[in-house]
């Protein structure tokens, strides 16, 4: 699931992580994405939240994201 870092996206990621889901946040801005992941992990240290870089305007970025996602095998 692609989650935007809008308020709705942040709250969706947070709710899913707190419910025990593994959340992969696909973000264009890694600094902002990591800040959100850190705040979720602070609230629940055992949460499974991962941040990965993607720029949907770049097919190269999408391909790199897909290859990295497959490698991680979460």
PDB file of N, CA and C in Angstrom:
ATOM      1  N   UNK A   1       0.848  -1.169   0.000  1.00  0.00           N
ATOM      2  CA  UNK A   1       0.000   0.000   0.000  1.00  0.00           C
ATOM      3  C   UNK A   1       0.893   1.231   0.000  1.00  0.00           C
ATOM      4  N   UNK A   2       0.637   2.158  -0.880  1.00  0.00           N
ATOM      5  CA  UNK A   2       1.379   3.416  -0.913  1.00  0.00           C
ATOM      6  C   UNK A   2       0.703   4.379   0.035  1.00  0.00           C
ATOM      7  N   UNK A   3       1.451   4.913   0.979  1.00  0.00           N
ATOM      8  CA  UNK A   3       0.883   5.832   1.953  1.00  0.00           C
ATOM      9  C   UNK A   3       1.541   7.190   1.801  1.00  0.00           C
ATOM     10  N   UNK A   4       0.744   8.189   1.536  1.00  0.00           N
ATOM     11  CA  UNK A   4       1.225   9.562   1.430  1.00  0.00           C
ATOM     12  C   UNK A   4       1.532  10.082   2.827  1.00  0.00           C
ATOM     13  N   UNK A   5       2.432  11.055   2.924  1.00  0.00           N
ATOM     14  CA  UNK A   5       2.742  11.620   4.232  1.00  0.00           C
ATOM     15  C   UNK A   5       1.794  12.755   4.619  1.00  0.00           C
ATOM     16  N   UNK A   6       0.625  12.763   4.018  1.00  0.00           N
ATOM     17  CA  UNK A   6      -0.401  13.700   4.449  1.00  0.00           C
ATOM     18  C   UNK A   6      -0.877  13.257   5.837  1.00  0.00           C
ATOM     19  N   UNK A   7      -1.690  14.055   6.462  1.00  0.00           N
ATOM     20  CA  UNK A   7      -2.212  13.680   7.779  1.00  0.00           C
ATOM     21  C   UNK A   7      -2.900  12.327   7.707  1.00  0.00           C
ATOM     22  N   UNK A   8      -3.723  12.124   6.689  1.00  0.00           N
ATOM     23  CA  UNK A   8      -4.436  10.864   6.547  1.00  0.00           C
ATOM     24  C   UNK A   8      -3.459   9.704   6.382  1.00  0.00           C
ATOM     25  N   UNK A   9      -2.404   9.903   5.589  1.00  0.00           N
ATOM     26  CA  UNK A   9      -1.414   8.855   5.388  1.00  0.00           C
ATOM     27  C   UNK A   9      -0.661   8.519   6.665  1.00  0.00           C
ATOM     28  N   UNK A  10      -0.295   9.529   7.405  1.00  0.00           N
ATOM     29  CA  UNK A  10       0.428   9.322   8.661  1.00  0.00           C
ATOM     30  C   UNK A  10      -0.449   8.561   9.656  1.00  0.00           C
ATOM     31  N   UNK A  11      -1.687   8.977   9.774  1.00  0.00           N
ATOM     32  CA  UNK A  11      -2.597   8.315  10.711  1.00  0.00           C
ATOM     33  C   UNK A  11      -2.914   6.889  10.279  1.00  0.00           C
ATOM     34  N   UNK A  12      -2.996   6.651   8.977  1.00  0.00           N
ATOM     35  CA  UNK A  12      -3.223   5.292   8.479  1.00  0.00           C
ATOM     36  C   UNK A  12      -2.025   4.411   8.811  1.00  0.00           C
ATOM     37  N   UNK A  13      -0.825   4.895   8.539  1.00  0.00           N
ATOM     38  CA  UNK A  13       0.392   4.139   8.855  1.00  0.00           C
ATOM     39  C   UNK A  13       0.470   3.857  10.353  1.00  0.00           C
ATOM     40  N   UNK A  14       0.186   4.858  11.143  1.00  0.00           N
ATOM     41  CA  UNK A  14       0.228   4.719  12.606  1.00  0.00           C
ATOM     42  C   UNK A  14      -0.778   3.675  13.089  1.00  0.00           C
ATOM     43  N   UNK A  15      -2.012   3.780  12.617  1.00  0.00           N
ATOM     44  CA  UNK A  15      -3.061   2.849  13.040  1.00  0.00           C
ATOM     45  C   UNK A  15      -2.728   1.412  12.645  1.00  0.00           C
ATOM     46  N   UNK A  16      -2.247   1.232  11.420  1.00  0.00           N
ATOM     47  CA  UNK A  16      -1.891  -0.112  10.975  1.00  0.00           C
ATOM     48  C   UNK A  16      -0.736  -0.681  11.797  1.00  0.00           C
ATOM     49  N   UNK A  17       0.278   0.129  12.047  1.00  0.00           N
ATOM     50  CA  UNK A  17       1.432  -0.332  12.838  1.00  0.00           C
ATOM     51  C   UNK A  17       1.020  -0.676  14.265  1.00  0.00           C
ATOM     52  N   UNK A  18       0.189   0.160  14.863  1.00  0.00           N
ATOM     53  CA  UNK A  18      -0.243  -0.091  16.237  1.00  0.00           C
ATOM     54  C   UNK A  18      -1.154  -1.308  16.331  1.00  0.00           C
ATOM     55  N   UNK A  19      -1.790  -1.666  15.210  1.00  0.00           N
ATOM     56  CA  UNK A  19      -2.643  -2.859  15.167  1.00  0.00           C
ATOM     57  C   UNK A  19      -1.839  -4.129  14.903  1.00  0.00           C
ATOM     58  N   UNK A  20      -0.518  -3.978  14.734  1.00  0.00           N
ATOM     59  CA  UNK A  20       0.334  -5.144  14.553  1.00  0.00           C
ATOM     60  C   UNK A  20       0.705  -5.455  13.115  1.00  0.00           C
ATOM     61  N   UNK A  21       0.291  -4.625  12.183  1.00  0.00           N
ATOM     62  CA  UNK A  21       0.631  -4.839  10.765  1.00  0.00           C
ATOM     63  C   UNK A  21       2.062  -4.380  10.490  1.00  0.00           C
ATOM     64  N   UNK A  22       2.683  -5.009   9.512  1.00  0.00           N
ATOM     65  CA  UNK A  22       3.948  -4.521   9.000  1.00  0.00           C
ATOM     66  C   UNK A  22       3.634  -3.419   8.002  1.00  0.00           C
ATOM     67  N   UNK A  23       4.220  -2.255   8.201  1.00  0.00           N
ATOM     68  CA  UNK A  23       3.938  -1.097   7.356  1.00  0.00           C
ATOM     69  C   UNK A  23       5.207  -0.719   6.599  1.00  0.00           C
ATOM     70  N   UNK A  24       5.085  -0.660   5.284  1.00  0.00           N
ATOM     71  CA  UNK A  24       6.178  -0.175   4.445  1.00  0.00           C
ATOM     72  C   UNK A  24       5.737   1.165   3.895  1.00  0.00           C
ATOM     73  N   UNK A  25       6.412   2.219   4.325  1.00  0.00           N
ATOM     74  CA  UNK A  25       6.069   3.564   3.873  1.00  0.00           C
ATOM     75  C   UNK A  25       6.936   3.895   2.663  1.00  0.00           C
ATOM     76  N   UNK A  26       6.300   4.028   1.518  1.00  0.00           N
ATOM     77  CA  UNK A  26       6.988   4.386   0.283  1.00  0.00           C
ATOM     78  C   UNK A  26       6.969   5.904   0.187  1.00  0.00           C
ATOM     79  N   UNK A  27       8.128   6.539   0.353  1.00  0.00           N
ATOM     80  CA  UNK A  27       8.198   7.992   0.476  1.00  0.00           C
ATOM     81  C   UNK A  27       9.169   8.605  -0.525  1.00  0.00           C
ATOM     82  N   UNK A  28       8.839   9.774  -0.971  1.00  0.00           N
ATOM     83  CA  UNK A  28       9.759  10.540  -1.814  1.00  0.00           C
ATOM     84  C   UNK A  28      10.790  11.230  -0.919  1.00  0.00           C
ATOM     85  N   UNK A  29      10.369  11.681   0.246  1.00  0.00           N
ATOM     86  CA  UNK A  29      11.248  12.378   1.180  1.00  0.00           C
ATOM     87  C   UNK A  29      11.573  11.439   2.342  1.00  0.00           C
ATOM     88  N   UNK A  30      12.776  10.884   2.323  1.00  0.00           N
ATOM     89  CA  UNK A  30      13.174   9.911   3.338  1.00  0.00           C
ATOM     90  C   UNK A  30      13.282  10.517   4.734  1.00  0.00           C
ATOM     91  N   UNK A  31      13.653  11.775   4.830  1.00  0.00           N
ATOM     92  CA  UNK A  31      13.788  12.419   6.140  1.00  0.00           C
ATOM     93  C   UNK A  31      12.421  12.502   6.810  1.00  0.00           C
ATOM     94  N   UNK A  32      11.422  12.971   6.075  1.00  0.00           N
ATOM     95  CA  UNK A  32      10.068  13.061   6.630  1.00  0.00           C
ATOM     96  C   UNK A  32       9.513  11.678   6.945  1.00  0.00           C
ATOM     97  N   UNK A  33       9.737  10.744   6.037  1.00  0.00           N
ATOM     98  CA  UNK A  33       9.254   9.382   6.256  1.00  0.00           C
ATOM     99  C   UNK A  33       9.871   8.753   7.487  1.00  0.00           C
ATOM    100  N   UNK A  34      11.168   8.936   7.668  1.00  0.00           N
ATOM    101  CA  UNK A  34      11.836   8.361   8.833  1.00  0.00           C
ATOM    102  C   UNK A  34      11.352   9.025  10.114  1.00  0.00           C
ATOM    103  N   UNK A  35      11.060  10.315  10.063  1.00  0.00           N
ATOM    104  CA  UNK A  35      10.529  11.013  11.242  1.00  0.00           C
ATOM    105  C   UNK A  35       9.187  10.418  11.660  1.00  0.00           C
ATOM    106  N   UNK A  36       8.340  10.118  10.690  1.00  0.00           N
ATOM    107  CA  UNK A  36       7.041   9.490  10.992  1.00  0.00           C
ATOM    108  C   UNK A  36       7.273   8.094  11.569  1.00  0.00           C
ATOM    109  N   UNK A  37       8.147   7.314  10.943  1.00  0.00           N
ATOM    110  CA  UNK A  37       8.443   5.966  11.437  1.00  0.00           C
ATOM    111  C   UNK A  37       8.988   6.019  12.861  1.00  0.00           C
ATOM    112  N   UNK A  38       9.881   6.969  13.128  1.00  0.00           N
ATOM    113  CA  UNK A  38      10.446   7.097  14.473  1.00  0.00           C
ATOM    114  C   UNK A  38       9.373   7.434  15.504  1.00  0.00           C
ATOM    115  N   UNK A  39       8.423   8.298  15.134  1.00  0.00           N
ATOM    116  CA  UNK A  39       7.364   8.660  16.088  1.00  0.00           C
ATOM    117  C   UNK A  39       6.462   7.455  16.371  1.00  0.00           C
ATOM    118  N   UNK A  40       6.222   6.636  15.359  1.00  0.00           N
ATOM    119  CA  UNK A  40       5.421   5.423  15.571  1.00  0.00           C
ATOM    120  C   UNK A  40       6.183   4.443  16.459  1.00  0.00           C
ATOM    121  N   UNK A  41       7.492   4.297  16.189  1.00  0.00           N
ATOM    122  CA  UNK A  41       8.308   3.371  16.985  1.00  0.00           C
ATOM    123  C   UNK A  41       8.457   3.844  18.427  1.00  0.00           C
ATOM    124  N   UNK A  42       8.424   5.149  18.633  1.00  0.00           N
ATOM    125  CA  UNK A  42       8.496   5.676  19.990  1.00  0.00           C
ATOM    126  C   UNK A  42       7.228   5.299  20.761  1.00  0.00           C
ATOM    127  N   UNK A  43       6.104   5.342  20.063  1.00  0.00           N
ATOM    128  CA  UNK A  43       4.833   5.003  20.687  1.00  0.00           C
ATOM    129  C   UNK A  43       4.712   3.510  20.953  1.00  0.00           C
ATOM    130  N   UNK A  44       5.210   2.703  20.016  1.00  0.00           N
ATOM    131  CA  UNK A  44       5.186   1.249  20.181  1.00  0.00           C
ATOM    132  C   UNK A  44       6.478   0.675  19.610  1.00  0.00           C
ATOM    133  N   UNK A  45       7.474   0.450  20.477  1.00  0.00           N
ATOM    134  CA  UNK A  45       8.800   0.015  20.009  1.00  0.00           C
ATOM    135  C   UNK A  45       8.805  -1.266  19.190  1.00  0.00           C
ATOM    136  N   UNK A  46       7.859  -2.152  19.408  1.00  0.00           N
ATOM    137  CA  UNK A  46       7.844  -3.417  18.657  1.00  0.00           C
ATOM    138  C   UNK A  46       7.141  -3.302  17.300  1.00  0.00           C
ATOM    139  N   UNK A  47       6.672  -2.114  16.949  1.00  0.00           N
ATOM    140  CA  UNK A  47       6.003  -1.914  15.656  1.00  0.00           C
ATOM    141  C   UNK A  47       6.972  -2.192  14.509  1.00  0.00           C
ATOM    142  N   UNK A  48       6.433  -2.722  13.429  1.00  0.00           N
ATOM    143  CA  UNK A  48       7.230  -3.042  12.247  1.00  0.00           C
ATOM    144  C   UNK A  48       6.943  -1.979  11.193  1.00  0.00           C
ATOM    145  N   UNK A  49       7.780  -0.957  11.164  1.00  0.00           N
ATOM    146  CA  UNK A  49       7.613   0.153  10.227  1.00  0.00           C
ATOM    147  C   UNK A  49       8.910   0.322   9.443  1.00  0.00           C
ATOM    148  N   UNK A  50       8.804   0.287   8.134  1.00  0.00           N
ATOM    149  CA  UNK A  50       9.958   0.413   7.258  1.00  0.00           C
ATOM    150  C   UNK A  50       9.720   1.581   6.301  1.00  0.00           C
ATOM    151  N   UNK A  51      10.774   2.314   5.996  1.00  0.00           N
ATOM    152  CA  UNK A  51      10.681   3.446   5.081  1.00  0.00           C
ATOM    153  C   UNK A  51      11.536   3.126   3.859  1.00  0.00           C
ATOM    154  N   UNK A  52      10.927   3.287   2.688  1.00  0.00           N
ATOM    155  CA  UNK A  52      11.645   3.053   1.439  1.00  0.00           C
ATOM    156  C   UNK A  52      11.440   4.243   0.517  1.00  0.00           C
ATOM    157  N   UNK A  53      12.455   4.534  -0.271  1.00  0.00           N
ATOM    158  CA  UNK A  53      12.404   5.692  -1.173  1.00  0.00           C
ATOM    159  C   UNK A  53      11.740   5.320  -2.494  1.00  0.00           C
ATOM    160  N   UNK A  54      10.866   6.220  -2.953  1.00  0.00           N
ATOM    161  CA  UNK A  54      10.255   6.083  -4.274  1.00  0.00           C
ATOM    162  C   UNK A  54       9.830   7.459  -4.767  1.00  0.00           C
ATOM    163  N   UNK A  55       9.983   7.658  -6.055  1.00  0.00           N
ATOM    164  CA  UNK A  55       9.483   8.864  -6.713  1.00  0.00           C
ATOM    165  C   UNK A  55       8.607   8.371  -7.851  1.00  0.00           C
ATOM    166  N   UNK A  56       7.303   8.502  -7.702  1.00  0.00           N
ATOM    167  CA  UNK A  56       6.382   7.955  -8.684  1.00  0.00           C
ATOM    168  C   UNK A  56       6.477   8.636 -10.045  1.00  0.00           C
ATOM    169  N   UNK A  57       7.171   9.760 -10.123  1.00  0.00           N
ATOM    170  CA  UNK A  57       7.363  10.448 -11.403  1.00  0.00           C
ATOM    171  C   UNK A  57       8.523   9.856 -12.199  1.00  0.00           C
ATOM    172  N   UNK A  58       9.254   8.939 -11.590  1.00  0.00           N
ATOM    173  CA  UNK A  58      10.431   8.352 -12.235  1.00  0.00           C
ATOM    174  C   UNK A  58      10.273   6.833 -12.323  1.00  0.00           C
ATOM    175  N   UNK A  59      10.216   6.314 -13.551  1.00  0.00           N
ATOM    176  CA  UNK A  59      10.104   4.865 -13.709  1.00  0.00           C
ATOM    177  C   UNK A  59      11.332   4.144 -13.169  1.00  0.00           C
ATOM    178  N   UNK A  60      12.491   4.780 -13.254  1.00  0.00           N
ATOM    179  CA  UNK A  60      13.708   4.194 -12.684  1.00  0.00           C
ATOM    180  C   UNK A  60      13.556   4.043 -11.177  1.00  0.00           C
ATOM    181  N   UNK A  61      13.011   5.050 -10.532  1.00  0.00           N
ATOM    182  CA  UNK A  61      12.791   4.997  -9.092  1.00  0.00           C
ATOM    183  C   UNK A  61      11.788   3.896  -8.734  1.00  0.00           C
ATOM    184  N   UNK A  62      10.748   3.764  -9.524  1.00  0.00           N
ATOM    185  CA  UNK A  62       9.739   2.730  -9.279  1.00  0.00           C
ATOM    186  C   UNK A  62      10.365   1.349  -9.438  1.00  0.00           C
ATOM    187  N   UNK A  63      11.172   1.158 -10.469  1.00  0.00           N
ATOM    188  CA  UNK A  63      11.857  -0.127 -10.669  1.00  0.00           C
ATOM    189  C   UNK A  63      12.802  -0.429  -9.505  1.00  0.00           C
ATOM    190  N   UNK A  64      13.579   0.574  -9.094  1.00  0.00           N
ATOM    191  CA  UNK A  64      14.501   0.383  -7.963  1.00  0.00           C
ATOM    192  C   UNK A  64      13.747   0.029  -6.694  1.00  0.00           C
ATOM    193  N   UNK A  65      12.629   0.705  -6.465  1.00  0.00           N
ATOM    194  CA  UNK A  65      11.797   0.408  -5.299  1.00  0.00           C
ATOM    195  C   UNK A  65      11.331  -1.050  -5.348  1.00  0.00           C
ATOM    196  N   UNK A  66      10.821  -1.464  -6.499  1.00  0.00           N
ATOM    197  CA  UNK A  66      10.307  -2.831  -6.640  1.00  0.00           C
ATOM    198  C   UNK A  66      11.402  -3.867  -6.397  1.00  0.00           C
ATOM    199  N   UNK A  67      12.582  -3.642  -6.968  1.00  0.00           N
ATOM    200  CA  UNK A  67      13.686  -4.590  -6.779  1.00  0.00           C
ATOM    201  C   UNK A  67      14.108  -4.648  -5.310  1.00  0.00           C
ATOM    202  N   UNK A  68      14.196  -3.495  -4.673  1.00  0.00           N
ATOM    203  CA  UNK A  68      14.585  -3.449  -3.260  1.00  0.00           C
ATOM    204  C   UNK A  68      13.518  -4.104  -2.383  1.00  0.00           C
ATOM    205  N   UNK A  69      12.261  -3.863  -2.697  1.00  0.00           N
ATOM    206  CA  UNK A  69      11.152  -4.462  -1.948  1.00  0.00           C
ATOM    207  C   UNK A  69      11.225  -5.982  -2.026  1.00  0.00           C
ATOM    208  N   UNK A  70      11.469  -6.503  -3.217  1.00  0.00           N
ATOM    209  CA  UNK A  70      11.570  -7.960  -3.401  1.00  0.00           C
ATOM    210  C   UNK A  70      12.750  -8.523  -2.611  1.00  0.00           C
ATOM    211  N   UNK A  71      13.893  -7.802  -2.625  1.00  0.00           N
ATOM    212  CA  UNK A  71      15.085  -8.241  -1.883  1.00  0.00           C
ATOM    213  C   UNK A  71      14.824  -8.318  -0.383  1.00  0.00           C
ATOM    214  N   UNK A  72      14.100  -7.315   0.146  1.00  0.00           N
ATOM    215  CA  UNK A  72      13.858  -7.248   1.589  1.00  0.00           C
ATOM    216  C   UNK A  72      13.007  -8.410   2.069  1.00  0.00           C
ATOM    217  N   UNK A  73      12.034  -8.836   1.269  1.00  0.00           N
ATOM    218  CA  UNK A  73      11.186  -9.992   1.585  1.00  0.00           C
ATOM    219  C   UNK A  73      10.567  -9.914   2.984  1.00  0.00           C
ATOM    220  N   UNK A  74       9.939  -8.786   3.271  1.00  0.00           N
ATOM    221  CA  UNK A  74       9.282  -8.632   4.567  1.00  0.00           C
ATOM    222  C   UNK A  74       8.046  -9.477   4.588  1.00  0.00           C
TER     223      UNK A  74
END
